[in-house]
Amino acid sequence: MQGGRFPEFDWIFLGIGEDGHTASLFPGSDLLKVSDKICGVARHPSSGQFRISLTLPVLNHAGRVTFLVSGQSKSKMVSRIFNQDPASENLPAAHVQPRRGILEWLLDKPASVLLR
């Protein structure tokens, strides 16, 4: 971070996990609270595997963020986010909201089956 600014990626592609995680940002992770770093180390809650992830501030400084989502196993999380279910507050993917950029979701039919 040069001069206290985050890098501004032109376009970031993300997916979403069945637990609502994205970019190795898992629900309940301390990395979700990081606001002054570009990246950090996350730990997968089930496997214990360590992963490196960009932080939410970096994701939210992008010019464009596209979620590519396929499969019915993701439909519950997609529905919670799109329908602004209060429980989606705990889903990292729901916190990806570019400040000045574009947010788009590309869903296959099975992933969108629960949308109104």
PDB file of N, CA and C in Angstrom:
ATOM      1  N   MET A   1       0.842  -1.172   0.000  1.00  0.00           N
ATOM      2  CA  MET A   1       0.000   0.000   0.000  1.00  0.00           C
ATOM      3  C   MET A   1       0.882   1.229   0.000  1.00  0.00           C
ATOM      4  N   GLN A   2       0.924   1.895  -1.079  1.00  0.00           N
ATOM      5  CA  GLN A   2       1.745   3.079  -1.201  1.00  0.00           C
ATOM      6  C   GLN A   2       0.896   4.299  -0.883  1.00  0.00           C
ATOM      7  N   GLY A   3       1.332   5.103   0.066  1.00  0.00           N
ATOM      8  CA  GLY A   3       0.591   6.304   0.426  1.00  0.00           C
ATOM      9  C   GLY A   3      -0.744   6.010   1.092  1.00  0.00           C
ATOM     10  N   GLY A   4      -0.888   4.822   1.717  1.00  0.00           N
ATOM     11  CA  GLY A   4      -2.117   4.497   2.427  1.00  0.00           C
ATOM     12  C   GLY A   4      -3.281   4.124   1.525  1.00  0.00           C
ATOM     13  N   ARG A   5      -3.025   3.909   0.254  1.00  0.00           N
ATOM     14  CA  ARG A   5      -4.091   3.569  -0.686  1.00  0.00           C
ATOM     15  C   ARG A   5      -4.045   2.091  -1.035  1.00  0.00           C
ATOM     16  N   PHE A   6      -5.198   1.559  -1.318  1.00  0.00           N
ATOM     17  CA  PHE A   6      -5.277   0.166  -1.751  1.00  0.00           C
ATOM     18  C   PHE A   6      -5.091   0.093  -3.257  1.00  0.00           C
ATOM     19  N   PRO A   7      -4.562  -1.022  -3.742  1.00  0.00           N
ATOM     20  CA  PRO A   7      -4.468  -1.182  -5.197  1.00  0.00           C
ATOM     21  C   PRO A   7      -5.879  -1.214  -5.781  1.00  0.00           C
ATOM     22  N   GLU A   8      -5.997  -0.747  -7.012  1.00  0.00           N
ATOM     23  CA  GLU A   8      -7.304  -0.736  -7.671  1.00  0.00           C
ATOM     24  C   GLU A   8      -7.253  -1.636  -8.895  1.00  0.00           C
ATOM     25  N   PHE A   9      -7.692  -2.867  -8.695  1.00  0.00           N
ATOM     26  CA  PHE A   9      -7.748  -3.817  -9.796  1.00  0.00           C
ATOM     27  C   PHE A   9      -8.856  -3.408 -10.749  1.00  0.00           C
ATOM     28  N   ASP A  10      -8.634  -3.615 -12.040  1.00  0.00           N
ATOM     29  CA  ASP A  10      -9.668  -3.318 -13.026  1.00  0.00           C
ATOM     30  C   ASP A  10     -10.842  -4.282 -12.892  1.00  0.00           C
ATOM     31  N   TRP A  11     -10.530  -5.577 -12.720  1.00  0.00           N
ATOM     32  CA  TRP A  11     -11.593  -6.577 -12.735  1.00  0.00           C
ATOM     33  C   TRP A  11     -11.164  -7.758 -11.880  1.00  0.00           C
ATOM     34  N   ILE A  12     -12.001  -8.133 -10.950  1.00  0.00           N
ATOM     35  CA  ILE A  12     -11.750  -9.281 -10.085  1.00  0.00           C
ATOM     36  C   ILE A  12     -12.877 -10.290 -10.287  1.00  0.00           C
ATOM     37  N   PHE A  13     -12.507 -11.539 -10.519  1.00  0.00           N
ATOM     38  CA  PHE A  13     -13.471 -12.625 -10.639  1.00  0.00           C
ATOM     39  C   PHE A  13     -13.467 -13.422  -9.334  1.00  0.00           C
ATOM     40  N   LEU A  14     -14.648 -13.699  -8.820  1.00  0.00           N
ATOM     41  CA  LEU A  14     -14.787 -14.439  -7.575  1.00  0.00           C
ATOM     42  C   LEU A  14     -15.810 -15.552  -7.728  1.00  0.00           C
ATOM     43  N   GLY A  15     -15.732 -16.484  -6.825  1.00  0.00           N
ATOM     44  CA  GLY A  15     -16.751 -17.513  -6.694  1.00  0.00           C
ATOM     45  C   GLY A  15     -17.346 -17.381  -5.304  1.00  0.00           C
ATOM     46  N   ILE A  16     -18.242 -18.269  -4.974  1.00  0.00           N
ATOM     47  CA  ILE A  16     -18.825 -18.296  -3.634  1.00  0.00           C
ATOM     48  C   ILE A  16     -18.908 -19.749  -3.190  1.00  0.00           C
ATOM     49  N   GLY A  17     -18.587 -19.977  -1.943  1.00  0.00           N
ATOM     50  CA  GLY A  17     -18.663 -21.327  -1.395  1.00  0.00           C
ATOM     51  C   GLY A  17     -20.033 -21.608  -0.814  1.00  0.00           C
ATOM     52  N   GLU A  18     -20.292 -22.861  -0.529  1.00  0.00           N
ATOM     53  CA  GLU A  18     -21.578 -23.258   0.044  1.00  0.00           C
ATOM     54  C   GLU A  18     -21.809 -22.648   1.422  1.00  0.00           C
ATOM     55  N   ASP A  19     -20.751 -22.158   2.050  1.00  0.00           N
ATOM     56  CA  ASP A  19     -20.864 -21.503   3.356  1.00  0.00           C
ATOM     57  C   ASP A  19     -20.887 -19.974   3.224  1.00  0.00           C
ATOM     58  N   GLY A  20     -20.891 -19.460   1.995  1.00  0.00           N
ATOM     59  CA  GLY A  20     -20.921 -18.017   1.769  1.00  0.00           C
ATOM     60  C   GLY A  20     -19.549 -17.374   1.735  1.00  0.00           C
ATOM     61  N   HIS A  21     -18.484 -18.171   1.757  1.00  0.00           N
ATOM     62  CA  HIS A  21     -17.139 -17.585   1.695  1.00  0.00           C
ATOM     63  C   HIS A  21     -16.811 -17.188   0.259  1.00  0.00           C
ATOM     64  N   THR A  22     -15.865 -16.286   0.145  1.00  0.00           N
ATOM     65  CA  THR A  22     -15.326 -15.907  -1.151  1.00  0.00           C
ATOM     66  C   THR A  22     -13.884 -15.486  -0.942  1.00  0.00           C
ATOM     67  N   ALA A  23     -13.051 -15.708  -1.938  1.00  0.00           N
ATOM     68  CA  ALA A  23     -11.640 -15.311  -1.881  1.00  0.00           C
ATOM     69  C   ALA A  23     -10.939 -15.808  -0.617  1.00  0.00           C
ATOM     70  N   SER A  24     -11.301 -16.954  -0.134  1.00  0.00           N
ATOM     71  CA  SER A  24     -10.763 -17.517   1.120  1.00  0.00           C
ATOM     72  C   SER A  24     -11.051 -16.645   2.333  1.00  0.00           C
ATOM     73  N   LEU A  25     -12.081 -15.822   2.233  1.00  0.00           N
ATOM     74  CA  LEU A  25     -12.597 -15.075   3.380  1.00  0.00           C
ATOM     75  C   LEU A  25     -13.780 -15.888   3.903  1.00  0.00           C
ATOM     76  N   PHE A  26     -13.575 -16.541   5.045  1.00  0.00           N
ATOM     77  CA  PHE A  26     -14.566 -17.462   5.583  1.00  0.00           C
ATOM     78  C   PHE A  26     -15.419 -16.797   6.651  1.00  0.00           C
ATOM     79  N   PRO A  27     -16.675 -17.232   6.805  1.00  0.00           N
ATOM     80  CA  PRO A  27     -17.510 -16.672   7.868  1.00  0.00           C
ATOM     81  C   PRO A  27     -16.816 -16.775   9.226  1.00  0.00           C
ATOM     82  N   GLY A  28     -16.834 -15.683   9.956  1.00  0.00           N
ATOM     83  CA  GLY A  28     -16.236 -15.646  11.290  1.00  0.00           C
ATOM     84  C   GLY A  28     -14.737 -15.430  11.327  1.00  0.00           C
ATOM     85  N   SER A  29     -14.097 -15.348  10.174  1.00  0.00           N
ATOM     86  CA  SER A  29     -12.648 -15.180  10.128  1.00  0.00           C
ATOM     87  C   SER A  29     -12.221 -13.790  10.592  1.00  0.00           C
ATOM     88  N   ASP A  30     -11.119 -13.722  11.315  1.00  0.00           N
ATOM     89  CA  ASP A  30     -10.560 -12.432  11.734  1.00  0.00           C
ATOM     90  C   ASP A  30     -10.130 -11.594  10.535  1.00  0.00           C
ATOM     91  N   LEU A  31      -9.826 -12.246   9.428  1.00  0.00           N
ATOM     92  CA  LEU A  31      -9.388 -11.537   8.226  1.00  0.00           C
ATOM     93  C   LEU A  31     -10.493 -10.624   7.682  1.00  0.00           C
ATOM     94  N   LEU A  32     -11.740 -10.905   8.002  1.00  0.00           N
ATOM     95  CA  LEU A  32     -12.850 -10.055   7.568  1.00  0.00           C
ATOM     96  C   LEU A  32     -12.800  -8.670   8.204  1.00  0.00           C
ATOM     97  N   LYS A  33     -12.158  -8.570   9.355  1.00  0.00           N
ATOM     98  CA  LYS A  33     -12.088  -7.297  10.088  1.00  0.00           C
ATOM     99  C   LYS A  33     -10.889  -6.451   9.684  1.00  0.00           C
ATOM    100  N   VAL A  34      -9.991  -6.998   8.889  1.00  0.00           N
ATOM    101  CA  VAL A  34      -8.776  -6.282   8.502  1.00  0.00           C
ATOM    102  C   VAL A  34      -9.137  -5.161   7.543  1.00  0.00           C
ATOM    103  N   SER A  35      -8.725  -3.950   7.894  1.00  0.00           N
ATOM    104  CA  SER A  35      -9.064  -2.792   7.057  1.00  0.00           C
ATOM    105  C   SER A  35      -7.840  -2.011   6.602  1.00  0.00           C
ATOM    106  N   ASP A  36      -6.658  -2.470   6.976  1.00  0.00           N
ATOM    107  CA  ASP A  36      -5.459  -1.696   6.665  1.00  0.00           C
ATOM    108  C   ASP A  36      -4.381  -2.509   5.940  1.00  0.00           C
ATOM    109  N   LYS A  37      -4.770  -3.673   5.411  1.00  0.00           N
ATOM    110  CA  LYS A  37      -3.802  -4.519   4.707  1.00  0.00           C
ATOM    111  C   LYS A  37      -4.365  -4.969   3.375  1.00  0.00           C
ATOM    112  N   ILE A  38      -3.471  -5.277   2.451  1.00  0.00           N
ATOM    113  CA  ILE A  38      -3.854  -5.736   1.126  1.00  0.00           C
ATOM    114  C   ILE A  38      -4.273  -7.201   1.154  1.00  0.00           C
ATOM    115  N   CYS A  39      -3.535  -7.999   1.901  1.00  0.00           N
ATOM    116  CA  CYS A  39      -3.837  -9.421   1.958  1.00  0.00           C
ATOM    117  C   CYS A  39      -3.527  -9.959   3.342  1.00  0.00           C
ATOM    118  N   GLY A  40      -3.914 -11.192   3.556  1.00  0.00           N
ATOM    119  CA  GLY A  40      -3.657 -11.829   4.837  1.00  0.00           C
ATOM    120  C   GLY A  40      -3.778 -13.329   4.696  1.00  0.00           C
ATOM    121  N   VAL A  41      -3.505 -14.014   5.784  1.00  0.00           N
ATOM    122  CA  VAL A  41      -3.575 -15.474   5.804  1.00  0.00           C
ATOM    123  C   VAL A  41      -4.891 -15.892   6.435  1.00  0.00           C
ATOM    124  N   ALA A  42      -5.600 -16.753   5.728  1.00  0.00           N
ATOM    125  CA  ALA A  42      -6.858 -17.311   6.216  1.00  0.00           C
ATOM    126  C   ALA A  42      -6.648 -18.798   6.461  1.00  0.00           C
ATOM    127  N   ARG A  43      -7.466 -19.341   7.319  1.00  0.00           N
ATOM    128  CA  ARG A  43      -7.394 -20.774   7.591  1.00  0.00           C
ATOM    129  C   ARG A  43      -8.756 -21.387   7.313  1.00  0.00           C
ATOM    130  N   HIS A  44      -8.760 -22.412   6.463  1.00  0.00           N
ATOM    131  CA  HIS A  44     -10.015 -23.083   6.128  1.00  0.00           C
ATOM    132  C   HIS A  44     -10.588 -23.688   7.406  1.00  0.00           C
ATOM    133  N   PRO A  45     -11.855 -23.402   7.720  1.00  0.00           N
ATOM    134  CA  PRO A  45     -12.422 -23.852   8.991  1.00  0.00           C
ATOM    135  C   PRO A  45     -12.520 -25.366   9.155  1.00  0.00           C
ATOM    136  N   SER A  46     -12.632 -26.104   8.067  1.00  0.00           N
ATOM    137  CA  SER A  46     -12.752 -27.573   8.184  1.00  0.00           C
ATOM    138  C   SER A  46     -11.418 -28.279   8.040  1.00  0.00           C
ATOM    139  N   SER A  47     -10.678 -27.957   7.001  1.00  0.00           N
ATOM    140  CA  SER A  47      -9.436 -28.681   6.717  1.00  0.00           C
ATOM    141  C   SER A  47      -8.235 -28.134   7.486  1.00  0.00           C
ATOM    142  N   GLY A  48      -8.333 -26.873   7.934  1.00  0.00           N
ATOM    143  CA  GLY A  48      -7.199 -26.242   8.604  1.00  0.00           C
ATOM    144  C   GLY A  48      -6.151 -25.724   7.640  1.00  0.00           C
ATOM    145  N   GLN A  49      -6.386 -25.901   6.349  1.00  0.00           N
ATOM    146  CA  GLN A  49      -5.454 -25.449   5.318  1.00  0.00           C
ATOM    147  C   GLN A  49      -5.288 -23.922   5.382  1.00  0.00           C
ATOM    148  N   PHE A  50      -4.039 -23.462   5.286  1.00  0.00           N
ATOM    149  CA  PHE A  50      -3.763 -22.031   5.244  1.00  0.00           C
ATOM    150  C   PHE A  50      -3.859 -21.534   3.810  1.00  0.00           C
ATOM    151  N   ARG A  51      -4.432 -20.345   3.638  1.00  0.00           N
ATOM    152  CA  ARG A  51      -4.588 -19.745   2.316  1.00  0.00           C
ATOM    153  C   ARG A  51      -4.263 -18.264   2.403  1.00  0.00           C
ATOM    154  N   ILE A  52      -3.820 -17.711   1.310  1.00  0.00           N
ATOM    155  CA  ILE A  52      -3.582 -16.275   1.231  1.00  0.00           C
ATOM    156  C   ILE A  52      -4.770 -15.656   0.499  1.00  0.00           C
ATOM    157  N   SER A  53      -5.269 -14.544   1.020  1.00  0.00           N
ATOM    158  CA  SER A  53      -6.438 -13.910   0.422  1.00  0.00           C
ATOM    159  C   SER A  53      -6.278 -12.400   0.387  1.00  0.00           C
ATOM    160  N   LEU A  54      -6.869 -11.800  -0.623  1.00  0.00           N
ATOM    161  CA  LEU A  54      -7.023 -10.353  -0.617  1.00  0.00           C
ATOM    162  C   LEU A  54      -8.037 -10.007   0.465  1.00  0.00           C
ATOM    163  N   THR A  55      -7.965  -8.794   0.985  1.00  0.00           N
ATOM    164  CA  THR A  55      -8.904  -8.355   2.008  1.00  0.00           C
ATOM    165  C   THR A  55     -10.122  -7.697   1.361  1.00  0.00           C
ATOM    166  N   LEU A  56     -11.173  -7.527   2.151  1.00  0.00           N
ATOM    167  CA  LEU A  56     -12.380  -6.874   1.643  1.00  0.00           C
ATOM    168  C   LEU A  56     -12.121  -5.461   1.114  1.00  0.00           C
ATOM    169  N   PRO A  57     -11.292  -4.638   1.781  1.00  0.00           N
ATOM    170  CA  PRO A  57     -11.047  -3.309   1.212  1.00  0.00           C
ATOM    171  C   PRO A  57     -10.457  -3.352  -0.195  1.00  0.00           C
ATOM    172  N   VAL A  58      -9.591  -4.314  -0.462  1.00  0.00           N
ATOM    173  CA  VAL A  58      -9.017  -4.439  -1.809  1.00  0.00           C
ATOM    174  C   VAL A  58     -10.106  -4.860  -2.799  1.00  0.00           C
ATOM    175  N   LEU A  59     -10.894  -5.851  -2.429  1.00  0.00           N
ATOM    176  CA  LEU A  59     -11.976  -6.292  -3.313  1.00  0.00           C
ATOM    177  C   LEU A  59     -12.940  -5.138  -3.599  1.00  0.00           C
ATOM    178  N   ASN A  60     -13.213  -4.339  -2.597  1.00  0.00           N
ATOM    179  CA  ASN A  60     -14.187  -3.259  -2.751  1.00  0.00           C
ATOM    180  C   ASN A  60     -13.617  -1.999  -3.398  1.00  0.00           C
ATOM    181  N   HIS A  61     -12.336  -1.995  -3.715  1.00  0.00           N
ATOM    182  CA  HIS A  61     -11.728  -0.899  -4.478  1.00  0.00           C
ATOM    183  C   HIS A  61     -11.595  -1.236  -5.964  1.00  0.00           C
ATOM    184  N   ALA A  62     -12.045  -2.413  -6.352  1.00  0.00           N
ATOM    185  CA  ALA A  62     -11.926  -2.833  -7.750  1.00  0.00           C
ATOM    186  C   ALA A  62     -12.900  -2.056  -8.632  1.00  0.00           C
ATOM    187  N   GLY A  63     -12.523  -1.909  -9.884  1.00  0.00           N
ATOM    188  CA  GLY A  63     -13.390  -1.249 -10.850  1.00  0.00           C
ATOM    189  C   GLY A  63     -14.585  -2.111 -11.227  1.00  0.00           C
ATOM    190  N   ARG A  64     -14.404  -3.414 -11.138  1.00  0.00           N
ATOM    191  CA  ARG A  64     -15.468  -4.342 -11.489  1.00  0.00           C
ATOM    192  C   ARG A  64     -15.222  -5.654 -10.759  1.00  0.00           C
ATOM    193  N   VAL A  65     -16.263  -6.203 -10.158  1.00  0.00           N
ATOM    194  CA  VAL A  65     -16.180  -7.499  -9.497  1.00  0.00           C
ATOM    195  C   VAL A  65     -17.289  -8.382 -10.072  1.00  0.00           C
ATOM    196  N   THR A  66     -16.897  -9.550 -10.537  1.00  0.00           N
ATOM    197  CA  THR A  66     -17.845 -10.492 -11.119  1.00  0.00           C
ATOM    198  C   THR A  66     -17.799 -11.802 -10.346  1.00  0.00           C
ATOM    199  N   PHE A  67     -18.955 -12.200  -9.836  1.00  0.00           N
ATOM    200  CA  PHE A  67     -19.096 -13.514  -9.225  1.00  0.00           C
ATOM    201  C   PHE A  67     -19.545 -14.479 -10.307  1.00  0.00           C
ATOM    202  N   LEU A  68     -18.841 -15.591 -10.441  1.00  0.00           N
ATOM    203  CA  LEU A  68     -19.220 -16.668 -11.354  1.00  0.00           C
ATOM    204  C   LEU A  68     -19.678 -17.830 -10.486  1.00  0.00           C
ATOM    205  N   VAL A  69     -20.964 -18.152 -10.562  1.00  0.00           N
ATOM    206  CA  VAL A  69     -21.533 -19.135  -9.638  1.00  0.00           C
ATOM    207  C   VAL A  69     -22.289 -20.206 -10.417  1.00  0.00           C
ATOM    208  N   SER A  70     -21.966 -21.455 -10.114  1.00  0.00           N
ATOM    209  CA  SER A  70     -22.680 -22.551 -10.761  1.00  0.00           C
ATOM    210  C   SER A  70     -23.025 -23.620  -9.738  1.00  0.00           C
ATOM    211  N   GLY A  71     -24.152 -24.254  -9.968  1.00  0.00           N
ATOM    212  CA  GLY A  71     -24.548 -25.386  -9.144  1.00  0.00           C
ATOM    213  C   GLY A  71     -25.601 -25.063  -8.110  1.00  0.00           C
ATOM    214  N   GLN A  72     -26.517 -25.985  -7.934  1.00  0.00           N
ATOM    215  CA  GLN A  72     -27.608 -25.807  -6.979  1.00  0.00           C
ATOM    216  C   GLN A  72     -27.103 -25.740  -5.541  1.00  0.00           C
ATOM    217  N   SER A  73     -25.933 -26.314  -5.280  1.00  0.00           N
ATOM    218  CA  SER A  73     -25.389 -26.287  -3.917  1.00  0.00           C
ATOM    219  C   SER A  73     -25.073 -24.861  -3.463  1.00  0.00           C
ATOM    220  N   LYS A  74     -24.984 -23.920  -4.386  1.00  0.00           N
ATOM    221  CA  LYS A  74     -24.703 -22.517  -4.049  1.00  0.00           C
ATOM    222  C   LYS A  74     -25.987 -21.682  -3.970  1.00  0.00           C
ATOM    223  N   SER A  75     -27.117 -22.250  -4.369  1.00  0.00           N
ATOM    224  CA  SER A  75     -28.358 -21.480  -4.488  1.00  0.00           C
ATOM    225  C   SER A  75     -28.838 -20.895  -3.161  1.00  0.00           C
ATOM    226  N   LYS A  76     -28.635 -21.593  -2.070  1.00  0.00           N
ATOM    227  CA  LYS A  76     -29.080 -21.090  -0.766  1.00  0.00           C
ATOM    228  C   LYS A  76     -28.336 -19.801  -0.407  1.00  0.00           C
ATOM    229  N   MET A  77     -27.026 -19.791  -0.589  1.00  0.00           N
ATOM    230  CA  MET A  77     -26.248 -18.597  -0.263  1.00  0.00           C
ATOM    231  C   MET A  77     -26.575 -17.446  -1.210  1.00  0.00           C
ATOM    232  N   VAL A  78     -26.718 -17.748  -2.490  1.00  0.00           N
ATOM    233  CA  VAL A  78     -27.073 -16.716  -3.469  1.00  0.00           C
ATOM    234  C   VAL A  78     -28.409 -16.095  -3.094  1.00  0.00           C
ATOM    235  N   SER A  79     -29.383 -16.912  -2.750  1.00  0.00           N
ATOM    236  CA  SER A  79     -30.706 -16.419  -2.365  1.00  0.00           C
ATOM    237  C   SER A  79     -30.634 -15.541  -1.117  1.00  0.00           C
ATOM    238  N   ARG A  80     -29.876 -15.972  -0.127  1.00  0.00           N
ATOM    239  CA  ARG A  80     -29.754 -15.179   1.104  1.00  0.00           C
ATOM    240  C   ARG A  80     -29.169 -13.802   0.804  1.00  0.00           C
ATOM    241  N   ILE A  81     -28.178 -13.738  -0.061  1.00  0.00           N
ATOM    242  CA  ILE A  81     -27.548 -12.456  -0.391  1.00  0.00           C
ATOM    243  C   ILE A  81     -28.493 -11.591  -1.220  1.00  0.00           C
ATOM    244  N   PHE A  82     -29.070 -12.141  -2.268  1.00  0.00           N
ATOM    245  CA  PHE A  82     -29.936 -11.364  -3.149  1.00  0.00           C
ATOM    246  C   PHE A  82     -31.205 -10.880  -2.456  1.00  0.00           C
ATOM    247  N   ASN A  83     -31.756 -11.695  -1.571  1.00  0.00           N
ATOM    248  CA  ASN A  83     -32.993 -11.342  -0.877  1.00  0.00           C
ATOM    249  C   ASN A  83     -32.735 -10.585   0.421  1.00  0.00           C
ATOM    250  N   GLN A  84     -31.476 -10.227   0.648  1.00  0.00           N
ATOM    251  CA  GLN A  84     -31.058  -9.448   1.817  1.00  0.00           C
ATOM    252  C   GLN A  84     -31.579 -10.049   3.121  1.00  0.00           C
ATOM    253  N   ASP A  85     -31.484 -11.358   3.200  1.00  0.00           N
ATOM    254  CA  ASP A  85     -31.814 -12.075   4.422  1.00  0.00           C
ATOM    255  C   ASP A  85     -30.910 -11.540   5.529  1.00  0.00           C
ATOM    256  N   PRO A  86     -31.457 -11.213   6.701  1.00  0.00           N
ATOM    257  CA  PRO A  86     -30.610 -10.703   7.795  1.00  0.00           C
ATOM    258  C   PRO A  86     -29.434 -11.623   8.122  1.00  0.00           C
ATOM    259  N   ALA A  87     -29.602 -12.924   7.904  1.00  0.00           N
ATOM    260  CA  ALA A  87     -28.520 -13.877   8.169  1.00  0.00           C
ATOM    261  C   ALA A  87     -27.370 -13.719   7.183  1.00  0.00           C
ATOM    262  N   SER A  88     -27.604 -13.025   6.070  1.00  0.00           N
ATOM    263  CA  SER A  88     -26.519 -12.852   5.091  1.00  0.00           C
ATOM    264  C   SER A  88     -25.454 -11.883   5.595  1.00  0.00           C
ATOM    265  N   GLU A  89     -25.741 -11.177   6.667  1.00  0.00           N
ATOM    266  CA  GLU A  89     -24.753 -10.267   7.258  1.00  0.00           C
ATOM    267  C   GLU A  89     -23.475 -11.005   7.632  1.00  0.00           C
ATOM    268  N   ASN A  90     -23.574 -12.286   7.925  1.00  0.00           N
ATOM    269  CA  ASN A  90     -22.414 -13.090   8.318  1.00  0.00           C
ATOM    270  C   ASN A  90     -21.702 -13.738   7.135  1.00  0.00           C
ATOM    271  N   LEU A  91     -22.187 -13.496   5.936  1.00  0.00           N
ATOM    272  CA  LEU A  91     -21.595 -14.117   4.754  1.00  0.00           C
ATOM    273  C   LEU A  91     -20.583 -13.176   4.112  1.00  0.00           C
ATOM    274  N   PRO A  92     -19.320 -13.583   4.044  1.00  0.00           N
ATOM    275  CA  PRO A  92     -18.308 -12.714   3.442  1.00  0.00           C
ATOM    276  C   PRO A  92     -18.665 -12.236   2.040  1.00  0.00           C
ATOM    277  N   ALA A  93     -19.259 -13.088   1.220  1.00  0.00           N
ATOM    278  CA  ALA A  93     -19.599 -12.681  -0.151  1.00  0.00           C
ATOM    279  C   ALA A  93     -20.576 -11.511  -0.167  1.00  0.00           C
ATOM    280  N   ALA A  94     -21.407 -11.395   0.849  1.00  0.00           N
ATOM    281  CA  ALA A  94     -22.367 -10.286   0.921  1.00  0.00           C
ATOM    282  C   ALA A  94     -21.683  -8.948   1.174  1.00  0.00           C
ATOM    283  N   HIS A  95     -20.450  -8.981   1.638  1.00  0.00           N
ATOM    284  CA  HIS A  95     -19.712  -7.753   1.947  1.00  0.00           C
ATOM    285  C   HIS A  95     -18.879  -7.255   0.773  1.00  0.00           C
ATOM    286  N   VAL A  96     -18.917  -7.969  -0.323  1.00  0.00           N
ATOM    287  CA  VAL A  96     -18.230  -7.499  -1.530  1.00  0.00           C
ATOM    288  C   VAL A  96     -19.177  -6.534  -2.220  1.00  0.00           C
ATOM    289  N   GLN A  97     -18.868  -5.250  -2.094  1.00  0.00           N
ATOM    290  CA  GLN A  97     -19.699  -4.177  -2.634  1.00  0.00           C
ATOM    291  C   GLN A  97     -18.765  -3.055  -3.087  1.00  0.00           C
ATOM    292  N   PRO A  98     -18.297  -3.131  -4.319  1.00  0.00           N
ATOM    293  CA  PRO A  98     -17.347  -2.125  -4.797  1.00  0.00           C
ATOM    294  C   PRO A  98     -17.859  -0.703  -4.580  1.00  0.00           C
ATOM    295  N   ARG A  99     -16.995   0.134  -4.047  1.00  0.00           N
ATOM    296  CA  ARG A  99     -17.368   1.517  -3.726  1.00  0.00           C
ATOM    297  C   ARG A  99     -17.744   2.332  -4.954  1.00  0.00           C
ATOM    298  N   ARG A 100     -16.924   2.245  -5.973  1.00  0.00           N
ATOM    299  CA  ARG A 100     -17.177   3.036  -7.180  1.00  0.00           C
ATOM    300  C   ARG A 100     -17.280   2.155  -8.418  1.00  0.00           C
ATOM    301  N   GLY A 101     -17.196   0.872  -8.208  1.00  0.00           N
ATOM    302  CA  GLY A 101     -17.162  -0.042  -9.340  1.00  0.00           C
ATOM    303  C   GLY A 101     -18.468  -0.763  -9.566  1.00  0.00           C
ATOM    304  N   ILE A 102     -18.392  -1.713 -10.447  1.00  0.00           N
ATOM    305  CA  ILE A 102     -19.548  -2.519 -10.847  1.00  0.00           C
ATOM    306  C   ILE A 102     -19.486  -3.855 -10.123  1.00  0.00           C
ATOM    307  N   LEU A 103     -20.637  -4.304  -9.644  1.00  0.00           N
ATOM    308  CA  LEU A 103     -20.759  -5.636  -9.071  1.00  0.00           C
ATOM    309  C   LEU A 103     -21.747  -6.407  -9.929  1.00  0.00           C
ATOM    310  N   GLU A 104     -21.330  -7.573 -10.392  1.00  0.00           N
ATOM    311  CA  GLU A 104     -22.246  -8.387 -11.186  1.00  0.00           C
ATOM    312  C   GLU A 104     -22.138  -9.844 -10.773  1.00  0.00           C
ATOM    313  N   TRP A 105     -23.252 -10.532 -10.929  1.00  0.00           N
ATOM    314  CA  TRP A 105     -23.334 -11.946 -10.601  1.00  0.00           C
ATOM    315  C   TRP A 105     -23.757 -12.693 -11.855  1.00  0.00           C
ATOM    316  N   LEU A 106     -22.965 -13.645 -12.282  1.00  0.00           N
ATOM    317  CA  LEU A 106     -23.301 -14.503 -13.407  1.00  0.00           C
ATOM    318  C   LEU A 106     -23.613 -15.882 -12.831  1.00  0.00           C
ATOM    319  N   LEU A 107     -24.880 -16.262 -12.916  1.00  0.00           N
ATOM    320  CA  LEU A 107     -25.371 -17.482 -12.290  1.00  0.00           C
ATOM    321  C   LEU A 107     -25.899 -18.445 -13.343  1.00  0.00           C
ATOM    322  N   ASP A 108     -25.632 -19.725 -13.143  1.00  0.00           N
ATOM    323  CA  ASP A 108     -26.316 -20.681 -13.992  1.00  0.00           C
ATOM    324  C   ASP A 108     -27.698 -20.931 -13.392  1.00  0.00           C
ATOM    325  N   LYS A 109     -28.535 -21.627 -14.126  1.00  0.00           N
ATOM    326  CA  LYS A 109     -29.912 -21.840 -13.683  1.00  0.00           C
ATOM    327  C   LYS A 109     -29.997 -22.525 -12.312  1.00  0.00           C
ATOM    328  N   PRO A 110     -29.233 -23.602 -12.070  1.00  0.00           N
ATOM    329  CA  PRO A 110     -29.304 -24.242 -10.752  1.00  0.00           C
ATOM    330  C   PRO A 110     -28.903 -23.310  -9.592  1.00  0.00           C
ATOM    331  N   ALA A 111     -27.944 -22.435  -9.806  1.00  0.00           N
ATOM    332  CA  ALA A 111     -27.527 -21.518  -8.742  1.00  0.00           C
ATOM    333  C   ALA A 111     -28.580 -20.460  -8.453  1.00  0.00           C
ATOM    334  N   SER A 112     -29.454 -20.188  -9.412  1.00  0.00           N
ATOM    335  CA  SER A 112     -30.457 -19.143  -9.254  1.00  0.00           C
ATOM    336  C   SER A 112     -31.841 -19.676  -8.931  1.00  0.00           C
ATOM    337  N   VAL A 113     -31.971 -20.971  -8.709  1.00  0.00           N
ATOM    338  CA  VAL A 113     -33.265 -21.621  -8.560  1.00  0.00           C
ATOM    339  C   VAL A 113     -34.093 -21.058  -7.389  1.00  0.00           C
ATOM    340  N   LEU A 114     -33.485 -20.523  -6.368  1.00  0.00           N
ATOM    341  CA  LEU A 114     -34.231 -20.019  -5.201  1.00  0.00           C
ATOM    342  C   LEU A 114     -34.500 -18.515  -5.244  1.00  0.00           C
ATOM    343  N   LEU A 115     -34.113 -17.856  -6.312  1.00  0.00           N
ATOM    344  CA  LEU A 115     -34.340 -16.415  -6.410  1.00  0.00           C
ATOM    345  C   LEU A 115     -35.801 -16.136  -6.743  1.00  0.00           C
ATOM    346  N   ARG A 116     -36.310 -15.064  -6.169  1.00  0.00           N
ATOM    347  CA  ARG A 116     -37.700 -14.659  -6.454  1.00  0.00           C
ATOM    348  C   ARG A 116     -37.775 -13.963  -7.775  1.00  0.00           C
TER     349      ARG A 116
END
